[in-house]
Protein backbone atom coordinates (compact mmCIF):
# COMPACT_ATOMS: atom_id res chain seq x y z
CA MET A 1 89.35 137.07 159.43
CA ASN A 2 88.74 140.82 159.13
CA ASP A 3 88.78 140.56 155.33
CA LEU A 4 86.27 137.71 155.44
CA LEU A 5 83.98 139.60 157.78
CA LYS A 6 84.27 142.80 155.75
CA ASP A 7 83.12 141.01 152.57
CA ALA A 8 80.50 138.87 154.32
CA ASP A 9 78.97 141.87 156.11
CA LEU A 10 78.08 143.41 152.75
CA CYS A 11 75.38 140.76 152.32
CA VAL A 12 71.99 142.10 153.42
CA LYS A 13 70.42 138.59 153.27
CA CYS A 14 67.76 139.71 150.80
CA GLY A 15 67.64 136.32 149.09
CA LEU A 16 67.52 137.61 145.52
CA CYS A 17 70.39 135.24 144.75
CA LEU A 18 68.51 132.09 145.76
CA PRO A 19 66.66 131.26 142.51
CA HIS A 20 69.88 131.81 140.55
CA CYS A 21 71.96 129.34 142.59
CA PRO A 22 72.13 125.84 141.02
CA THR A 23 72.85 123.98 144.26
CA TYR A 24 70.03 125.73 146.11
CA THR A 25 67.64 125.13 143.21
CA HIS A 26 68.24 121.39 143.42
CA THR A 27 68.47 120.97 147.21
CA GLN A 28 66.26 123.76 148.63
CA ASN A 29 68.78 123.79 151.49
CA GLU A 30 69.63 127.24 152.80
CA ASN A 31 73.17 126.07 153.61
CA GLU A 32 73.58 125.33 149.89
CA SER A 33 72.69 128.88 148.87
CA PRO A 34 74.96 131.96 148.52
CA ARG A 35 73.15 133.62 151.43
CA GLY A 36 73.53 130.52 153.58
CA ARG A 37 77.20 130.05 152.76
CA ILE A 38 77.92 133.69 153.53
CA ALA A 39 76.18 133.30 156.89
CA LEU A 40 78.27 130.21 157.65
CA ILE A 41 81.52 132.00 156.79
CA GLN A 42 80.37 135.01 158.81
CA ALA A 43 79.75 132.84 161.86
CA TRP A 44 83.07 131.01 161.46
CA ALA A 45 85.10 134.18 161.00
CA GLY A 46 83.32 135.74 163.99
CA GLN A 47 84.26 132.69 166.10
CA LYS A 48 80.64 131.70 166.58
CA LEU A 49 80.97 128.49 164.60
CA ALA A 50 83.75 125.93 164.88
CA SER A 51 85.51 124.41 161.89
CA SER A 52 84.02 121.09 160.83
CA GLU A 53 83.81 118.77 157.87
CA LYS A 54 80.18 119.75 157.41
CA LEU A 55 81.06 123.44 157.25
CA VAL A 56 83.75 122.85 154.64
CA GLU A 57 81.41 120.54 152.71
CA HIS A 58 78.73 123.23 152.36
CA ILE A 59 81.28 125.76 151.10
CA ASP A 60 82.95 123.27 148.75
CA ASN A 61 79.59 122.30 147.26
CA CYS A 62 79.54 125.75 145.65
CA LEU A 63 80.22 125.70 141.90
CA LEU A 64 81.47 129.30 141.88
CA CYS A 65 79.32 129.89 138.81
CA ARG A 66 78.90 133.46 140.14
CA SER A 67 75.31 133.79 139.01
CA CYS A 68 74.60 135.25 142.44
CA GLU A 69 77.14 138.04 141.87
CA ARG A 70 75.39 139.09 138.67
CA VAL A 71 72.08 139.71 140.45
CA CYS A 72 73.36 140.89 143.86
CA PRO A 73 72.12 144.43 144.64
CA ALA A 74 74.76 144.81 147.38
CA VAL A 75 77.59 143.81 145.00
CA VAL A 76 78.95 141.21 147.42
CA PRO A 77 82.32 139.86 146.12
CA TYR A 78 81.09 136.31 146.64
CA SER A 79 83.79 134.53 144.66
CA ARG A 80 86.54 136.36 146.55
CA LEU A 81 84.84 135.48 149.82
CA ILE A 82 84.73 131.76 148.99
CA ASP A 83 88.34 131.72 147.73
CA ASN A 84 89.59 133.55 150.83
CA PHE A 85 87.73 131.16 153.12
CA ARG A 86 89.21 128.14 151.37
CA ASN A 87 92.67 129.66 151.65
CA GLN A 88 92.33 130.36 155.37
CA ILE A 89 90.92 126.95 156.21
CA GLN A 90 93.34 125.10 153.92
CA THR A 91 94.87 123.08 156.78
CA GLY A 92 91.43 121.64 157.51
CA ARG A 93 90.67 120.50 153.96
CA LYS A 94 92.54 118.26 151.56
CA SER A 95 92.49 118.15 147.79
CA SER A 96 91.23 114.87 146.38
CA VAL A 97 93.66 112.63 144.51
CA ARG A 98 91.87 113.54 141.27
CA VAL A 99 92.20 117.30 141.76
CA SER A 100 95.80 116.95 142.96
CA LEU A 101 96.61 115.02 139.78
CA ILE A 102 94.96 117.59 137.55
CA LYS A 103 96.84 120.43 139.31
CA LYS A 104 100.13 118.58 138.96
CA VAL A 105 99.57 118.14 135.24
CA ALA A 106 98.30 121.70 134.77
CA HIS A 107 101.24 123.30 136.57
CA ASN A 108 104.06 121.13 135.22
CA GLN A 109 104.91 120.94 131.52
CA ASN A 110 106.99 117.76 131.87
CA ALA A 111 104.16 115.99 133.71
CA ARG A 112 101.79 117.13 130.99
CA ARG A 113 103.97 115.69 128.22
CA LEU A 114 104.35 112.38 130.05
CA LEU A 115 100.62 112.04 130.65
CA GLN A 116 99.84 113.04 127.08
CA LYS A 117 102.07 110.25 125.70
CA SER A 118 100.66 107.75 128.19
CA LEU A 119 97.06 108.59 127.32
CA ARG A 120 97.75 108.40 123.60
CA PHE A 121 99.11 104.89 124.11
CA TYR A 122 96.15 104.09 126.39
CA GLN A 123 93.72 104.96 123.62
CA THR A 124 95.54 103.71 120.52
CA SER A 125 96.49 100.33 122.04
CA HIS A 126 92.85 99.51 122.91
CA LEU A 127 93.68 99.58 126.62
CA GLN A 128 90.93 102.15 127.08
CA SER A 129 88.19 99.94 125.67
CA SER A 130 89.40 96.99 127.76
CA ALA A 131 89.63 99.09 130.94
CA ARG A 132 86.11 100.43 130.41
CA TRP A 133 84.75 96.91 129.79
CA LEU A 134 86.34 95.79 133.07
CA LYS A 135 85.10 99.00 134.77
CA LEU A 136 88.61 99.75 136.02
CA PRO A 137 88.17 103.58 135.97
CA GLN A 138 85.23 103.23 138.40
CA LEU A 139 87.08 100.74 140.61
CA LEU A 140 90.18 102.94 140.78
CA GLY A 141 88.20 106.14 141.34
CA PHE A 142 89.27 107.85 138.11
CA GLN A 143 86.04 107.52 136.15
CA PRO A 144 85.18 111.26 136.56
CA ILE A 145 88.44 112.08 134.73
CA GLU A 146 88.52 109.20 132.26
CA ARG A 147 85.01 109.88 130.95
CA LEU A 148 86.05 113.36 129.81
CA LEU A 149 88.93 112.31 127.59
CA PRO A 150 88.45 113.07 123.90
CA GLU A 151 90.45 111.16 121.32
CA THR A 152 94.00 112.37 121.86
CA LYS A 153 96.07 113.31 118.84
CA GLN A 154 99.75 113.77 118.21
CA PRO A 155 100.42 117.26 119.57
CA ALA A 156 101.15 119.80 116.88
CA VAL A 157 104.15 122.06 117.39
CA LEU A 158 102.95 125.64 117.78
CA ALA A 159 105.07 128.52 116.59
CA ASN A 160 105.69 131.59 118.70
CA PHE A 161 104.38 133.91 116.01
CA TYR A 162 101.85 133.85 113.17
CA PRO A 163 101.78 136.90 110.84
CA ALA A 164 98.60 138.57 109.67
CA SER A 165 97.41 137.64 106.21
CA GLY A 166 96.68 140.73 104.19
CA GLU A 167 96.42 144.19 105.73
CA LYS A 168 97.57 144.29 109.34
CA HIS A 169 95.17 145.67 111.95
CA GLY A 170 96.92 144.88 115.24
CA ASN A 171 98.91 142.59 117.51
CA VAL A 172 97.36 140.04 119.83
CA GLY A 173 98.64 137.46 122.28
CA LEU A 174 96.87 134.10 122.30
CA PHE A 175 96.49 132.42 125.69
CA VAL A 176 96.31 128.64 125.29
CA GLY A 177 96.93 127.84 128.97
CA CYS A 178 97.90 124.46 130.36
CA MET A 179 95.48 122.03 128.71
CA GLY A 180 94.54 123.75 125.45
CA ALA A 181 97.49 122.55 123.36
CA TRP A 182 96.77 119.02 124.53
CA LEU A 183 92.97 118.71 124.62
CA ASP A 184 91.78 121.48 122.31
CA GLN A 185 94.17 121.74 119.36
CA LYS A 186 91.28 122.26 116.94
CA THR A 187 90.23 125.46 118.69
CA ILE A 188 93.79 126.80 118.85
CA HIS A 189 94.38 126.32 115.13
CA ALA A 190 90.96 127.79 114.32
CA ALA A 191 91.70 130.83 116.49
CA ILE A 192 95.04 131.41 114.77
CA GLN A 193 93.43 131.07 111.33
CA VAL A 194 90.63 133.52 112.03
CA LEU A 195 92.78 136.06 113.89
CA THR A 196 95.37 136.19 111.10
CA THR A 197 92.60 136.39 108.50
CA VAL A 198 91.17 139.56 110.07
CA GLY A 199 94.65 141.12 110.03
CA CYS A 200 96.20 140.34 113.40
CA ASP A 201 99.76 139.31 114.13
CA VAL A 202 99.37 136.50 116.68
CA TYR A 203 101.93 135.82 119.42
CA LEU A 204 102.01 132.61 121.49
CA PRO A 205 104.61 132.99 124.27
CA LYS A 206 106.13 129.61 125.09
CA GLN A 207 106.44 130.48 128.78
CA GLN A 208 102.72 130.89 129.36
CA THR A 209 101.27 128.45 131.86
CA CYS A 210 98.07 127.57 133.74
CA CYS A 211 95.85 130.58 134.44
CA GLY A 212 95.78 129.65 138.15
CA ALA A 213 92.05 129.06 138.54
CA LEU A 214 92.46 125.45 139.70
CA ALA A 215 94.85 126.48 142.47
CA LEU A 216 92.89 129.55 143.52
CA HIS A 217 89.55 127.75 143.85
CA ASP A 218 91.29 124.92 145.70
CA GLY A 219 92.45 127.37 148.36
CA ASP A 220 96.07 127.75 147.21
CA GLN A 221 96.42 131.48 146.68
CA THR A 222 100.23 131.35 146.80
CA ILE A 223 100.49 129.05 143.77
CA ALA A 224 97.76 131.00 141.96
CA ALA A 225 99.68 134.24 142.47
CA GLN A 226 102.90 132.66 141.20
CA LEU A 227 101.19 131.37 138.07
CA ALA A 228 99.74 134.84 137.47
CA GLU A 229 103.21 136.36 137.73
CA ASP A 230 104.55 133.79 135.27
CA ASN A 231 101.84 134.62 132.73
CA VAL A 232 102.24 138.37 133.11
CA ARG A 233 105.97 137.94 132.58
CA SER A 234 105.51 135.67 129.56
CA PHE A 235 103.41 138.27 127.72
CA GLY A 236 105.57 141.16 128.96
CA GLY A 237 107.63 143.06 126.42
CA LEU A 238 105.11 142.46 123.64
CA GLU A 239 103.20 145.44 122.30
CA LEU A 240 99.76 143.85 122.30
CA ASP A 241 96.35 145.34 121.60
CA ALA A 242 94.64 142.41 123.32
CA ILE A 243 95.33 139.12 125.08
CA ILE A 244 92.90 136.61 123.61
CA SER A 245 91.41 133.75 125.60
CA ILE A 246 89.82 130.78 123.86
CA ALA A 247 88.45 129.27 127.09
CA SER A 248 86.15 131.59 129.01
CA GLY A 249 87.06 129.93 132.32
CA CYS A 250 90.70 130.89 131.80
CA GLY A 251 89.71 134.30 130.47
CA SER A 252 87.69 135.09 133.59
CA GLN A 253 90.70 134.24 135.77
CA LEU A 254 93.09 136.29 133.62
CA ARG A 255 90.70 139.26 133.72
CA GLU A 256 90.98 139.34 137.52
CA TYR A 257 94.77 139.36 137.79
CA SER A 258 96.07 142.10 140.09
CA ASN A 259 98.24 143.42 137.25
CA SER A 260 95.78 145.83 135.66
CA GLY A 261 97.94 146.38 132.58
CA PHE A 262 97.64 142.69 131.76
CA ALA A 263 94.08 142.11 132.97
CA GLY A 264 92.75 145.12 131.09
CA LYS A 265 93.80 143.63 127.76
CA VAL A 266 92.14 140.23 128.25
CA MET A 267 89.24 139.51 125.90
CA ASP A 268 87.30 136.40 124.96
CA ILE A 269 87.97 135.59 121.32
CA SER A 270 84.31 135.94 120.29
CA GLN A 271 84.17 139.39 121.84
CA PHE A 272 87.37 140.42 120.07
CA LEU A 273 86.32 139.04 116.69
CA SER A 274 82.86 140.57 116.86
CA GLN A 275 84.44 143.95 116.06
CA PHE A 276 85.44 142.48 112.69
CA ALA A 277 81.93 141.16 112.05
CA SER A 278 81.29 143.11 108.85
CA ASP A 279 84.62 142.05 107.35
CA LEU A 280 84.05 138.40 108.27
CA SER A 281 80.52 138.34 106.86
CA LYS A 282 81.95 138.99 103.38
CA ARG A 283 84.35 136.05 103.67
CA LEU A 284 82.23 133.32 105.25
CA LYS A 285 80.60 130.53 103.23
CA PRO A 286 77.00 129.52 104.05
CA LEU A 287 76.35 126.81 106.62
CA PRO A 288 72.69 125.65 106.59
CA LYS A 289 72.79 124.10 110.06
CA THR A 290 71.02 124.59 113.38
CA VAL A 291 73.53 125.44 116.11
CA CYS A 292 72.65 125.25 119.78
CA VAL A 293 74.59 127.84 121.79
CA HIS A 294 75.69 126.88 125.31
CA THR A 295 76.80 129.92 127.30
CA PRO A 296 79.35 129.09 130.03
CA CYS A 297 78.88 130.76 133.41
CA SER A 298 82.31 132.37 133.14
CA LEU A 299 81.39 134.04 129.86
CA LYS A 300 78.04 135.25 131.19
CA ASN A 301 78.75 136.13 134.81
CA VAL A 302 82.38 137.25 134.79
CA LEU A 303 83.38 138.34 131.28
CA ARG A 304 79.81 139.55 130.61
CA SER A 305 80.20 139.03 126.86
CA GLU A 306 77.74 136.26 126.04
CA GLN A 307 76.11 138.26 123.24
CA SER A 308 79.38 138.42 121.31
CA VAL A 309 79.04 134.72 120.42
CA PHE A 310 75.67 135.36 118.77
CA LYS A 311 77.03 138.40 116.95
CA LEU A 312 80.01 136.46 115.66
CA LEU A 313 78.12 133.34 114.57
CA GLY A 314 75.38 135.52 113.12
CA GLN A 315 77.80 136.46 110.33
CA ILE A 316 77.70 132.91 108.91
CA PRO A 317 75.05 132.82 106.16
CA GLY A 318 72.35 130.19 106.53
CA LEU A 319 73.13 129.43 110.17
CA THR A 320 70.21 129.10 112.59
CA LEU A 321 71.15 129.91 116.18
CA ALA A 322 69.26 128.18 119.00
CA PRO A 323 70.13 129.60 122.44
CA LEU A 324 69.35 127.61 125.55
CA PRO A 325 66.55 128.97 127.76
CA GLU A 326 67.43 131.48 130.48
CA THR A 327 66.21 128.95 133.03
CA VAL A 328 69.14 126.63 132.21
CA GLN A 329 71.79 127.01 134.90
CA CYS A 330 75.40 125.86 135.24
CA CYS A 331 76.28 122.67 133.34
CA GLY A 332 78.13 121.31 136.38
CA SER A 333 81.63 121.39 134.92
CA ALA A 334 82.94 124.32 136.99
CA GLY A 335 86.65 123.59 136.67
CA SER A 336 87.47 120.63 138.91
CA TYR A 337 83.97 120.56 140.46
CA MET A 338 82.78 117.75 138.18
CA LEU A 339 85.62 115.55 139.47
CA ASP A 340 84.81 115.84 143.18
CA HIS A 341 81.04 116.38 143.01
CA PRO A 342 79.97 113.98 140.24
CA LYS A 343 76.40 113.57 141.54
CA MET A 344 75.52 117.27 141.47
CA ALA A 345 77.56 117.77 138.29
CA GLN A 346 75.57 115.00 136.59
CA THR A 347 72.25 116.41 137.81
CA LEU A 348 73.07 119.82 136.36
CA LEU A 349 74.41 118.28 133.16
CA ASN A 350 71.18 116.34 132.66
CA ASP A 351 69.23 119.62 132.83
CA VAL A 352 71.44 121.10 130.12
CA LEU A 353 71.31 118.01 127.91
CA GLU A 354 67.51 117.83 128.06
CA SER A 355 67.30 121.45 126.90
CA VAL A 356 69.89 120.87 124.17
CA LEU A 357 68.09 117.82 122.77
CA GLN A 358 64.79 119.70 122.63
CA LYS A 359 66.44 122.07 120.14
CA GLN A 360 67.39 119.14 117.86
CA PRO A 361 70.59 120.90 116.74
CA ASP A 362 73.15 119.76 114.17
CA ILE A 363 76.01 121.23 116.21
CA LEU A 364 76.49 122.51 119.76
CA VAL A 365 78.95 125.30 120.58
CA SER A 366 80.45 126.23 123.94
CA SER A 367 83.09 128.87 124.66
CA ASN A 368 84.75 126.97 127.52
CA MET A 369 86.81 123.81 127.09
CA GLY A 370 85.81 122.31 130.45
CA CYS A 371 82.11 122.76 129.72
CA ALA A 372 82.55 121.33 126.20
CA LEU A 373 84.34 118.21 127.51
CA HIS A 374 81.69 117.70 130.21
CA ILE A 375 78.77 118.10 127.78
CA ALA A 376 80.42 115.94 125.10
CA ALA A 377 80.97 113.18 127.68
CA GLY A 378 77.31 113.36 128.69
CA LEU A 379 76.21 113.05 125.08
CA ARG A 380 78.51 110.06 124.49
CA GLU A 381 77.13 108.34 127.58
CA ARG A 382 73.64 108.72 126.14
CA GLY A 383 74.78 107.34 122.80
CA ILE A 384 74.09 110.64 121.04
CA LYS A 385 76.37 111.77 118.22
CA LEU A 386 76.52 115.56 118.27
CA ASP A 387 79.58 117.67 117.56
CA VAL A 388 80.54 119.98 120.44
CA VAL A 389 82.93 122.69 119.29
CA HIS A 390 84.10 126.20 120.10
CA PRO A 391 82.34 128.99 118.16
CA VAL A 392 85.60 130.01 116.47
CA VAL A 393 85.90 126.48 114.99
CA LEU A 394 82.65 127.05 113.08
CA VAL A 395 83.89 130.41 111.81
CA ALA A 396 87.25 128.98 110.69
CA GLY A 397 85.49 126.14 108.90
CA GLN A 398 83.54 128.59 106.73
CA LEU A 399 86.48 130.72 105.61
């Protein structure tokens, strides 16, 4: 309680965060703002407000996009405050079946393999099309998960090590996390190709696991800490110049590990590759396309490296970059948020999609897998064919 009060008391209630909060923007409800949520936690921790479903609901409605942290003059550690509250009130809140399933799959390699095989059969046997026609995902409550699924492919076996091609410039570890090797193979192979091309030896420790963000934001700090220890151990013993993340959501979690030796080496792949911009510009073939750039909240508000994507993609000759307006807020993905808060997630997604379509792009890029899956699902539901890929996929395609 003292830790909660200490963090909450830093808030001076100035309200500068309000216009930057997606849930407040759409509800105009003070309880759905960072300032309001801090006040609620303050009252609860000070024993002036009893625990209730409504209290937990207001806190859980937060996307943890952390836009408020970026503009807060008092530097309130808002994300830590929300995570600590959820951990302390864990007995009074329950994970949904959907989030529990995702956590089980994310934290257990055997469960992941089983589900991967099952989903491949589900898609290739036409069960998926039949189930959607019968609206079974909606009836069973799994539509928020089912709508996200891209076409699953036979998983490629990843080696532990990929040597640099040409002159060597360093050693990097590639973090693929729990879902990357399953749902985002294209980005992994593109990352390996580009990193080795610029002269990096690339290590992929087999023991690496989920970054822990799902557990942490669900109030389970014990599991999150264990996963962090597992990842630190898996990359331990390697002489690495950087630990590369290809999903900014994972990267933001890795960057905040308590092990400073590990956290200090974490970099988003676009940020890392931007230092090789001049070398890449000589190698890349022209691509006369318009590319809309979606910037995930984790890349902008936590890693603070959104400009690196523009610098990296700017090396591709003929490419026209179309950033989304500053007024566009969170896409609504927010880890598992889109599974338990589909209405708000869809509202926020619609805002993003409207801005994207105004740009009339040929391709859309996003640096976070969860955001990319969410946006791609929204486009499919509108009947719009638009490739949604990671920036490094575009770079690899032009080598």
